[in-house]
Amino acid sequence: MRVRAVAAGGHGRHRVRLLPAEPGAPPPPAAPGARARRPRRLGRAAAAGARRPGAAGGARAGPPGGRAARGRRGLRGLLRHLRRAHRGPRRLPRLRHGRRDAARPDQAPRPGGPLGRGAFPGRGRTRLGGPVRRLTHAEATRLRRTPGATVALFLTDRCPVGCAHCSVDSLPGGPTIRDWDLFTRLVDALAELPGLQAVAITGGEPFAERRGLTYAVRRLHAAGTAVLVFTSGFWARSAVPAWVRGVLELTGTVYLSTDAFHAAALDGGRAAAGVGPGGEAEGDTAARAARAVVAAGCHLVVQTLAGPEGAPPPLPHPAAEHSLVPPLPAGRGARLFPRRPPRRPLGAFAPCALLHAPTVRYDGLVTACCNETVLTGGGPAALRRRVSDAAGLREALRAFRADPVLRLMGAAGPVGLSTVVEGRYGSVCEPCWLAQRRAARDPEALASLRRLATLGTPAARP
């Protein structure tokens, strides 16, 4: 380089201008005592640019996104880079098998820890955060009857389908998550609950609450908990959204409700366009939802009503497992299925298996079982508790496990309550509710139930 000094005015100031070196001129001598600088190594792109014909004076032309380009962005580019690093990538990196962990993770707050932590020891496909455990209907039922192994997460009261037989009376404009901090505390508490193996997410329609469902599935999967989701498949009326596919990829088992009522609400009662080679229906919402569920790697359980009212069309997918559920005379279903069951003695009922799977609602309501009437405010108050944090949730679950009526109902059934209730009943819930009300107002009845629950329960039913 040639140095040219030009006078710039008073006070002895000078302006120094560096001019290009003349061709063939030797390099300028180094200052006394200065260390010789090693030549910088060029990257492949920079070296190619230096060798490119027409590069004046052999100047190095680095790539547009190289170090020189980043330096030219200055402070503004650095701040933008830091903001992006703090916010996280808009899409997760692709895995080796070509699928993402989730489609749009920025749609929900990130969990409290990295998704790479926590592994679930069980069979299933691998995702970030450990394997996704797929449960069959029999395995899910067995876990539901194991104390402390499962919890139902009631995500929302909102449902855009509006089936005529809905047992929880969900509507498109129904209540949903309002207190986000409370909801995340509840989900985090479930993820950290000792001994919990699976969480069943239900509603309402869980996919109608996009933000809450995305957070819950990601958080529970990161903790190594098996996730089951109950849905109507309404999201498959047209092309399946990317965020739905991301949720399905972290879900182990999907219960798809499809029967005459769902078909009437989703497809206007139209029959399927045809039957596929494996016997599955084609062209309707349930078929599209089933294909998306299976493509995501989930275990599919098709749930239909038992009886002529829920006569199902052909199974929407050949890989689907079929489950029949009884019609529930609750919510809007009370008008369609009036309760006229035969009255039976206490000994004719089996122990109540639903007491081992309590329900946690999005607003902090915790119920001892999944009975829809209890969840919507009916039945004894002892079967409901309000919580606001992890400690409250653990205390509510502990209180339900210690309740003498519930202990007797879970171990022996209604016959274990024969010291305080008698007669014939139409369902297993009726003697349970009656015993709870008598124990609440009669100290002697409560003491009797506590003695029975402590000493043991009848070994056999008459």
Protein backbone atom coordinates (compact mmCIF):
# COMPACT_ATOMS: atom_id res chain seq x y z
CA MET A 1 0.00 0.00 0.00
CA ARG A 2 1.16 3.57 -0.64
CA VAL A 3 0.66 6.17 2.08
CA ARG A 4 -0.12 9.72 1.15
CA ALA A 5 -0.28 12.41 3.83
CA VAL A 6 -2.34 15.48 3.05
CA ALA A 7 -2.41 18.56 5.26
CA ALA A 8 -5.85 19.08 6.73
CA GLY A 9 -5.60 22.52 8.38
CA GLY A 10 -4.38 24.00 11.62
CA HIS A 11 -3.29 22.44 14.91
CA GLY A 12 -0.95 20.06 13.07
CA ARG A 13 -3.72 17.65 12.04
CA HIS A 14 -3.21 15.52 8.97
CA ARG A 15 -5.46 13.32 6.92
CA VAL A 16 -3.96 10.00 5.90
CA ARG A 17 -5.13 8.28 2.73
CA LEU A 18 -4.20 4.73 1.75
CA LEU A 19 -3.69 4.19 -1.96
CA PRO A 20 -3.53 0.85 -3.81
CA ALA A 21 -0.04 -0.58 -4.17
CA GLU A 22 1.64 -0.38 -7.55
CA PRO A 23 1.83 -3.68 -9.42
CA GLY A 24 5.06 -5.52 -8.61
CA ALA A 25 5.98 -3.26 -5.67
CA PRO A 26 7.53 -5.03 -2.64
CA PRO A 27 5.51 -5.17 0.56
CA PRO A 28 6.10 -2.34 3.07
CA PRO A 29 8.70 -3.08 5.75
CA ALA A 30 7.47 -4.14 9.16
CA ALA A 31 7.83 -1.85 12.14
CA PRO A 32 10.77 -2.58 14.46
CA GLY A 33 9.84 -5.20 17.09
CA ALA A 34 6.53 -6.09 15.41
CA ARG A 35 5.61 -9.79 15.11
CA ALA A 36 5.07 -11.17 11.67
CA ARG A 37 1.38 -11.87 11.00
CA ARG A 38 0.39 -15.24 9.63
CA PRO A 39 -1.64 -15.03 6.44
CA ARG A 40 -5.33 -15.72 6.97
CA ARG A 41 -6.65 -18.95 5.59
CA LEU A 42 -9.40 -18.55 3.06
CA GLY A 43 -12.52 -20.66 2.99
CA ARG A 44 -13.42 -22.52 -0.14
CA ALA A 45 -15.88 -19.89 -1.30
CA ALA A 46 -13.46 -17.04 -0.54
CA ALA A 47 -10.58 -18.80 -2.29
CA ALA A 48 -12.76 -19.43 -5.32
CA GLY A 49 -13.68 -15.77 -5.36
CA ALA A 50 -10.00 -14.77 -5.18
CA ARG A 51 -9.22 -16.95 -8.18
CA ARG A 52 -12.23 -15.73 -10.14
CA PRO A 53 -11.23 -14.06 -13.41
CA GLY A 54 -11.66 -10.30 -13.35
CA ALA A 55 -10.97 -9.89 -9.62
CA ALA A 56 -8.91 -6.71 -9.62
CA GLY A 57 -5.52 -7.00 -7.94
CA GLY A 58 -6.35 -10.49 -6.66
CA ALA A 59 -8.84 -9.09 -4.11
CA ARG A 60 -10.62 -11.72 -2.11
CA ALA A 61 -14.36 -11.89 -2.80
CA GLY A 62 -15.97 -13.74 0.10
CA PRO A 63 -19.45 -15.23 0.00
CA PRO A 64 -22.42 -12.91 0.59
CA GLY A 65 -23.08 -14.41 4.04
CA GLY A 66 -19.41 -14.69 5.09
CA ARG A 67 -17.56 -13.02 7.89
CA ALA A 68 -17.04 -9.73 6.04
CA ALA A 69 -20.74 -9.46 5.18
CA ARG A 70 -21.73 -10.10 8.80
CA GLY A 71 -19.30 -7.47 9.97
CA ARG A 72 -20.78 -4.90 7.60
CA ARG A 73 -24.15 -5.33 9.22
CA GLY A 74 -22.71 -3.74 12.33
CA LEU A 75 -24.57 -3.28 15.56
CA ARG A 76 -28.01 -3.54 13.97
CA GLY A 77 -27.27 -6.95 12.53
CA LEU A 78 -25.81 -8.15 15.84
CA LEU A 79 -28.94 -7.12 17.75
CA ARG A 80 -31.15 -8.84 15.19
CA HIS A 81 -29.07 -11.98 15.50
CA LEU A 82 -29.33 -11.96 19.31
CA ARG A 83 -33.08 -11.48 19.17
CA ARG A 84 -33.46 -14.45 16.85
CA ALA A 85 -31.23 -16.61 19.04
CA HIS A 86 -33.29 -15.73 22.11
CA ARG A 87 -36.59 -16.35 20.35
CA GLY A 88 -35.45 -19.65 18.93
CA PRO A 89 -35.76 -20.99 15.40
CA ARG A 90 -39.09 -20.69 13.65
CA ARG A 91 -38.86 -24.34 12.73
CA LEU A 92 -37.08 -27.16 14.44
CA PRO A 93 -34.23 -28.83 12.54
CA ARG A 94 -35.13 -31.85 10.52
CA LEU A 95 -34.32 -35.22 11.95
CA ARG A 96 -32.48 -37.89 10.00
CA HIS A 97 -35.68 -39.58 8.94
CA GLY A 98 -36.97 -36.32 7.53
CA ARG A 99 -39.68 -35.36 10.02
CA ARG A 100 -39.77 -32.39 12.28
CA ASP A 101 -40.39 -32.60 15.97
CA ALA A 102 -43.18 -30.03 15.63
CA ALA A 103 -44.41 -27.85 12.82
CA ARG A 104 -44.52 -24.41 14.46
CA PRO A 105 -43.01 -24.39 17.96
CA ASP A 106 -43.32 -20.61 18.12
CA GLN A 107 -47.11 -20.96 18.38
CA ALA A 108 -46.80 -21.93 22.05
CA PRO A 109 -44.42 -21.00 24.87
CA ARG A 110 -41.40 -23.26 25.03
CA PRO A 111 -41.36 -25.81 27.89
CA GLY A 112 -39.34 -25.21 31.01
CA GLY A 113 -36.48 -27.38 29.79
CA PRO A 114 -34.95 -28.56 26.53
CA LEU A 115 -36.92 -31.16 24.65
CA GLY A 116 -33.86 -33.36 24.48
CA ARG A 117 -34.20 -34.28 28.16
CA GLY A 118 -36.30 -37.12 29.46
CA ALA A 119 -36.73 -40.50 27.84
CA PHE A 120 -39.68 -42.82 28.13
CA PRO A 121 -38.64 -46.48 28.43
CA GLY A 122 -41.04 -48.21 26.11
CA ARG A 123 -41.69 -49.08 22.54
CA GLY A 124 -42.50 -46.42 20.04
CA ARG A 125 -41.03 -44.13 17.45
CA THR A 126 -38.23 -41.78 18.46
CA ARG A 127 -38.63 -38.02 18.59
CA LEU A 128 -36.76 -35.24 20.34
CA GLY A 129 -37.37 -35.77 24.05
CA GLY A 130 -37.36 -39.57 23.85
CA PRO A 131 -39.48 -42.30 22.28
CA VAL A 132 -43.19 -41.74 21.78
CA ARG A 133 -45.00 -44.60 23.49
CA ARG A 134 -47.98 -45.97 21.61
CA LEU A 135 -50.64 -47.58 23.79
CA THR A 136 -53.27 -49.98 22.55
CA HIS A 137 -56.79 -49.70 23.92
CA ALA A 138 -56.16 -52.66 26.25
CA GLU A 139 -52.93 -51.12 27.56
CA ALA A 140 -54.60 -47.76 28.12
CA THR A 141 -57.47 -49.43 29.98
CA ARG A 142 -55.05 -51.34 32.17
CA LEU A 143 -53.18 -48.14 33.08
CA ARG A 144 -56.48 -46.36 33.78
CA ARG A 145 -57.25 -49.00 36.41
CA THR A 146 -53.85 -48.64 38.07
CA PRO A 147 -53.88 -46.11 40.94
CA GLY A 148 -51.74 -43.07 40.20
CA ALA A 149 -50.79 -44.15 36.67
CA THR A 150 -53.06 -41.92 34.60
CA VAL A 151 -54.79 -38.54 34.72
CA ALA A 152 -57.31 -36.98 32.34
CA LEU A 153 -56.56 -33.40 31.25
CA PHE A 154 -59.80 -31.64 30.32
CA LEU A 155 -58.37 -29.04 27.96
CA THR A 156 -61.38 -26.97 26.91
CA ASP A 157 -65.17 -26.80 26.92
CA ARG A 158 -65.12 -25.54 23.33
CA CYS A 159 -65.99 -27.74 20.37
CA PRO A 160 -66.83 -26.56 16.83
CA VAL A 161 -68.73 -29.74 15.95
CA GLY A 162 -71.73 -29.51 18.29
CA CYS A 163 -72.89 -33.14 18.19
CA ALA A 164 -76.43 -33.78 19.36
CA HIS A 165 -75.32 -36.42 21.90
CA CYS A 166 -72.44 -34.48 23.57
CA SER A 167 -72.25 -35.58 27.21
CA VAL A 168 -70.49 -32.38 28.36
CA ASP A 169 -72.65 -29.97 26.34
CA SER A 170 -69.67 -28.44 24.49
CA LEU A 171 -70.37 -25.63 22.02
CA PRO A 172 -68.29 -23.62 19.51
CA GLY A 173 -68.34 -20.63 21.85
CA GLY A 174 -67.87 -22.58 25.08
CA PRO A 175 -65.42 -21.64 27.83
CA THR A 176 -61.73 -22.33 27.30
CA ILE A 177 -58.35 -21.37 28.78
CA ARG A 178 -58.41 -17.83 30.21
CA ASP A 179 -55.61 -17.94 32.81
CA TRP A 180 -52.58 -19.09 30.82
CA ASP A 181 -50.21 -18.99 33.81
CA LEU A 182 -52.54 -21.23 35.81
CA PHE A 183 -52.84 -23.67 32.93
CA THR A 184 -49.08 -23.95 32.43
CA ARG A 185 -48.60 -24.50 36.17
CA LEU A 186 -51.10 -27.35 36.06
CA VAL A 187 -49.46 -28.98 33.04
CA ASP A 188 -45.99 -28.60 34.56
CA ALA A 189 -47.28 -30.17 37.77
CA LEU A 190 -48.62 -33.14 35.82
CA ALA A 191 -45.33 -33.52 33.97
CA GLU A 192 -43.49 -33.70 37.31
CA LEU A 193 -46.01 -35.94 39.10
CA PRO A 194 -44.25 -39.07 40.43
CA GLY A 195 -45.54 -42.35 39.05
CA LEU A 196 -47.67 -40.77 36.31
CA GLN A 197 -47.32 -42.82 33.13
CA ALA A 198 -49.97 -41.44 30.78
CA VAL A 199 -52.18 -38.37 30.35
CA ALA A 200 -55.40 -38.51 28.33
CA ILE A 201 -56.22 -35.11 26.81
CA THR A 202 -59.93 -34.62 26.26
CA GLY A 203 -62.62 -31.94 26.19
CA GLY A 204 -64.57 -30.49 24.40
CA GLU A 205 -62.42 -30.78 21.32
CA PRO A 206 -58.72 -30.55 22.27
CA PHE A 207 -57.72 -29.38 18.77
CA ALA A 208 -60.02 -26.37 19.18
CA GLU A 209 -57.51 -25.08 21.79
CA ARG A 210 -54.40 -24.87 19.62
CA ARG A 211 -52.12 -23.05 22.05
CA GLY A 212 -52.99 -25.17 25.07
CA LEU A 213 -52.84 -28.47 23.20
CA THR A 214 -49.45 -27.67 21.66
CA TYR A 215 -47.99 -26.71 25.02
CA ALA A 216 -49.44 -29.70 26.87
CA VAL A 217 -48.33 -32.28 24.30
CA ARG A 218 -44.82 -30.87 24.04
CA ARG A 219 -44.39 -30.51 27.81
CA LEU A 220 -45.71 -33.97 28.65
CA HIS A 221 -43.70 -35.60 25.88
CA ALA A 222 -40.53 -33.86 27.11
CA ALA A 223 -41.20 -35.33 30.58
CA GLY A 224 -41.47 -38.85 29.14
CA THR A 225 -45.23 -39.20 29.67
CA ALA A 226 -47.39 -41.10 27.20
CA VAL A 227 -49.98 -38.82 25.57
CA LEU A 228 -53.44 -39.89 24.44
CA VAL A 229 -55.73 -37.43 22.64
CA PHE A 230 -59.49 -37.74 22.09
CA THR A 231 -60.76 -35.92 19.01
CA SER A 232 -63.58 -35.74 16.51
CA GLY A 233 -61.17 -35.18 13.62
CA PHE A 234 -62.87 -31.92 12.59
CA TRP A 235 -59.43 -30.54 11.63
CA ALA A 236 -59.44 -32.89 8.60
CA ARG A 237 -62.43 -31.31 6.85
CA SER A 238 -59.88 -30.05 4.31
CA ALA A 239 -56.08 -30.21 4.21
CA VAL A 240 -54.58 -31.12 7.59
CA PRO A 241 -52.75 -28.07 9.04
CA ALA A 242 -49.02 -28.36 9.69
CA TRP A 243 -49.40 -27.64 13.41
CA VAL A 244 -51.84 -30.55 13.75
CA ARG A 245 -49.32 -32.90 12.15
CA GLY A 246 -46.70 -31.62 14.60
CA VAL A 247 -48.96 -32.41 17.56
CA LEU A 248 -49.76 -35.87 16.20
CA GLU A 249 -46.08 -36.71 15.86
CA LEU A 250 -45.68 -36.27 19.63
CA THR A 251 -48.88 -38.18 20.47
CA GLY A 252 -48.81 -41.91 21.11
CA THR A 253 -52.50 -42.83 20.81
CA VAL A 254 -55.45 -41.04 19.21
CA TYR A 255 -59.07 -41.89 20.01
CA LEU A 256 -61.11 -40.82 16.98
CA SER A 257 -64.84 -40.48 17.67
CA THR A 258 -66.88 -41.32 14.59
CA ASP A 259 -70.50 -42.40 14.48
CA ALA A 260 -73.80 -41.28 13.02
CA PHE A 261 -73.88 -38.16 15.22
CA HIS A 262 -70.38 -37.05 14.28
CA ALA A 263 -70.99 -37.77 10.60
CA ALA A 264 -74.14 -35.66 10.67
CA ALA A 265 -72.30 -32.74 12.26
CA LEU A 266 -69.09 -32.93 10.22
CA ASP A 267 -70.26 -34.06 6.79
CA GLY A 268 -73.96 -33.22 6.84
CA GLY A 269 -74.89 -36.88 7.09
CA ARG A 270 -73.33 -37.67 3.72
CA ALA A 271 -72.15 -41.21 3.32
CA ALA A 272 -68.55 -41.96 2.52
CA ALA A 273 -67.59 -41.56 -1.11
CA GLY A 274 -66.39 -45.15 -1.33
CA VAL A 275 -64.57 -47.95 0.39
CA GLY A 276 -60.83 -48.39 0.08
CA PRO A 277 -58.96 -51.62 -0.67
CA GLY A 278 -58.60 -52.40 3.03
CA GLY A 279 -62.29 -51.84 3.80
CA GLU A 280 -61.86 -48.26 5.03
CA ALA A 281 -64.19 -45.44 4.12
CA GLU A 282 -62.82 -42.83 1.73
CA GLY A 283 -63.61 -39.22 1.11
CA ASP A 284 -65.14 -38.16 4.45
CA THR A 285 -63.64 -36.22 7.36
CA ALA A 286 -63.11 -39.29 9.54
CA ALA A 287 -61.19 -41.06 6.77
CA ARG A 288 -58.90 -38.08 6.19
CA ALA A 289 -58.30 -37.71 9.92
CA ALA A 290 -57.54 -41.42 10.27
CA ARG A 291 -55.01 -41.31 7.44
CA ALA A 292 -53.27 -38.31 9.03
CA VAL A 293 -53.15 -40.03 12.42
CA VAL A 294 -51.66 -43.23 11.04
CA ALA A 295 -49.21 -41.31 8.84
CA ALA A 296 -47.91 -39.51 11.94
CA GLY A 297 -47.17 -42.88 13.56
CA CYS A 298 -49.92 -42.84 16.20
CA HIS A 299 -51.90 -45.86 17.33
CA LEU A 300 -55.48 -45.25 16.17
CA VAL A 301 -58.54 -46.27 18.18
CA VAL A 302 -61.90 -45.55 16.54
CA GLN A 303 -64.54 -44.91 19.19
CA THR A 304 -68.23 -45.37 18.38
CA LEU A 305 -71.43 -45.58 20.36
CA ALA A 306 -72.86 -48.97 21.22
CA GLY A 307 -76.41 -49.59 20.01
CA PRO A 308 -78.39 -48.65 16.90
CA GLU A 309 -78.03 -44.90 17.56
CA GLY A 310 -74.30 -45.02 16.93
CA ALA A 311 -74.23 -47.51 14.09
CA PRO A 312 -70.85 -46.72 12.52
CA PRO A 313 -69.84 -46.66 8.87
CA PRO A 314 -66.91 -48.85 7.81
CA LEU A 315 -63.76 -48.25 9.87
CA PRO A 316 -61.97 -45.19 8.47
CA HIS A 317 -58.64 -47.04 8.30
CA PRO A 318 -57.64 -50.72 8.18
CA ALA A 319 -55.05 -50.23 10.94
CA ALA A 320 -57.65 -48.81 13.35
CA GLU A 321 -58.67 -50.53 16.56
CA HIS A 322 -62.38 -50.40 17.39
CA SER A 323 -63.87 -49.45 20.77
CA LEU A 324 -67.55 -49.33 21.67
CA VAL A 325 -68.71 -46.90 24.35
CA PRO A 326 -72.18 -46.77 25.92
CA PRO A 327 -74.35 -43.71 25.27
CA LEU A 328 -74.16 -41.32 28.22
CA PRO A 329 -77.37 -39.67 29.47
CA ALA A 330 -75.59 -36.43 30.40
CA GLY A 331 -75.32 -33.03 28.75
CA ARG A 332 -77.24 -32.95 25.47
CA GLY A 333 -77.25 -36.75 25.57
CA ALA A 334 -79.78 -36.66 28.40
CA ARG A 335 -82.47 -35.74 25.87
CA LEU A 336 -81.51 -38.55 23.49
CA PHE A 337 -80.73 -41.32 25.96
CA PRO A 338 -83.18 -41.02 28.88
CA ARG A 339 -81.96 -42.89 31.93
CA ARG A 340 -84.17 -45.95 32.43
CA PRO A 341 -81.73 -48.62 33.57
CA PRO A 342 -82.90 -51.57 35.67
CA ARG A 343 -82.52 -51.19 39.41
CA ARG A 344 -79.93 -53.59 40.81
CA PRO A 345 -78.69 -54.47 44.31
CA LEU A 346 -75.35 -53.23 45.60
CA GLY A 347 -73.62 -56.54 45.04
CA ALA A 348 -74.44 -56.55 41.34
CA PHE A 349 -72.00 -53.72 40.62
CA ALA A 350 -68.27 -54.16 40.10
CA PRO A 351 -65.66 -51.87 41.69
CA CYS A 352 -65.44 -48.47 40.03
CA ALA A 353 -62.30 -48.35 37.88
CA LEU A 354 -62.73 -44.67 36.97
CA LEU A 355 -61.68 -43.56 40.46
CA HIS A 356 -58.06 -44.36 39.62
CA ALA A 357 -58.01 -41.75 36.82
CA PRO A 358 -58.92 -38.30 38.22
CA THR A 359 -59.59 -35.36 35.91
CA VAL A 360 -57.78 -32.00 35.89
CA ARG A 361 -59.60 -29.19 34.10
CA TYR A 362 -57.90 -26.23 32.43
CA ASP A 363 -59.23 -23.78 35.07
CA GLY A 364 -57.91 -25.64 38.13
CA LEU A 365 -60.93 -27.83 38.88
CA VAL A 366 -59.90 -31.36 39.89
CA THR A 367 -62.46 -34.17 40.14
CA ALA A 368 -62.11 -37.63 41.62
CA CYS A 369 -63.27 -39.33 38.41
CA CYS A 370 -64.21 -38.50 34.83
CA ASN A 371 -67.97 -38.41 35.43
CA GLU A 372 -69.32 -35.65 33.17
CA THR A 373 -72.00 -34.60 35.64
CA VAL A 374 -69.43 -34.12 38.42
CA LEU A 375 -67.19 -32.16 36.05
CA THR A 376 -70.02 -29.79 35.13
CA GLY A 377 -71.00 -29.11 38.76
CA GLY A 378 -73.37 -31.94 39.67
CA GLY A 379 -73.00 -34.58 42.35
CA PRO A 380 -71.45 -34.22 45.85
CA ALA A 381 -69.04 -31.35 46.46
CA ALA A 382 -66.54 -33.81 48.02
CA LEU A 383 -65.77 -35.09 44.53
CA ARG A 384 -64.42 -31.67 43.37
CA ARG A 385 -61.53 -29.48 44.47
CA ARG A 386 -60.02 -26.21 43.26
CA VAL A 387 -56.24 -25.91 42.89
CA SER A 388 -53.90 -23.19 41.66
CA ASP A 389 -50.43 -24.73 41.77
CA ALA A 390 -48.48 -27.97 41.92
CA ALA A 391 -48.77 -28.29 45.69
CA GLY A 392 -52.53 -27.90 45.54
CA LEU A 393 -52.82 -30.49 42.79
CA ARG A 394 -50.77 -33.04 44.74
CA GLU A 395 -52.87 -32.39 47.85
CA ALA A 396 -56.14 -32.82 45.93
CA LEU A 397 -55.03 -36.14 44.47
CA ARG A 398 -53.84 -37.30 47.89
CA ALA A 399 -57.19 -36.36 49.46
CA PHE A 400 -59.09 -38.34 46.83
CA ARG A 401 -56.92 -41.40 47.46
CA ALA A 402 -57.54 -41.10 51.21
CA ASP A 403 -61.32 -40.58 50.96
CA PRO A 404 -62.98 -43.62 52.64
CA VAL A 405 -65.97 -43.72 50.27
CA LEU A 406 -63.76 -43.64 47.20
CA ARG A 407 -61.39 -46.23 48.65
CA LEU A 408 -64.26 -48.63 49.28
CA MET A 409 -65.79 -47.97 45.86
CA GLY A 410 -62.48 -48.64 44.14
CA ALA A 411 -61.67 -51.81 46.07
CA ALA A 412 -65.03 -53.54 46.56
CA GLY A 413 -67.61 -51.50 44.71
CA PRO A 414 -70.91 -50.28 46.17
CA VAL A 415 -71.21 -53.36 48.35
CA GLY A 416 -68.43 -51.92 50.50
CA LEU A 417 -70.81 -49.08 51.43
CA SER A 418 -73.56 -51.38 52.71
CA THR A 419 -73.22 -50.06 56.28
CA VAL A 420 -74.49 -46.61 55.25
CA VAL A 421 -76.51 -47.21 52.05
CA GLU A 422 -78.95 -49.90 51.02
CA GLY A 423 -81.49 -50.60 48.32
CA ARG A 424 -81.34 -50.97 44.55
CA TYR A 425 -79.75 -48.48 42.15
CA GLY A 426 -79.60 -47.79 38.44
CA SER A 427 -75.86 -47.02 38.19
CA VAL A 428 -72.66 -47.41 40.16
CA CYS A 429 -72.54 -43.66 40.76
CA GLU A 430 -75.81 -43.43 42.72
CA PRO A 431 -74.70 -45.30 45.88
CA CYS A 432 -71.36 -43.48 45.80
CA TRP A 433 -73.03 -40.08 45.77
CA LEU A 434 -75.50 -41.10 48.49
CA ALA A 435 -72.69 -42.34 50.73
CA GLN A 436 -70.74 -39.12 50.21
CA ARG A 437 -73.71 -37.00 51.24
CA ARG A 438 -74.43 -39.11 54.33
CA ALA A 439 -70.77 -39.03 55.37
CA ALA A 440 -70.76 -35.22 55.02
CA ARG A 441 -73.68 -34.73 57.43
CA ASP A 442 -73.39 -37.77 59.73
CA PRO A 443 -70.14 -38.15 61.75
CA GLU A 444 -71.07 -41.71 62.75
CA ALA A 445 -71.47 -42.78 59.13
CA LEU A 446 -68.11 -41.19 58.29
CA ALA A 447 -66.41 -42.99 61.18
CA SER A 448 -67.91 -46.32 60.08
CA LEU A 449 -66.66 -45.83 56.53
CA ARG A 450 -63.20 -44.91 57.78
CA ARG A 451 -63.01 -48.06 59.89
CA LEU A 452 -64.00 -50.20 56.93
CA ALA A 453 -61.50 -48.49 54.64
CA THR A 454 -58.72 -48.90 57.23
CA LEU A 455 -59.41 -52.49 58.31
CA GLY A 456 -60.17 -53.81 54.85
CA THR A 457 -63.05 -54.34 52.51
CA PRO A 458 -65.25 -57.35 51.82
CA ALA A 459 -63.33 -59.94 49.89
CA ALA A 460 -66.22 -61.01 47.70
CA ARG A 461 -69.55 -59.69 46.58
CA PRO A 462 -72.68 -61.73 47.31
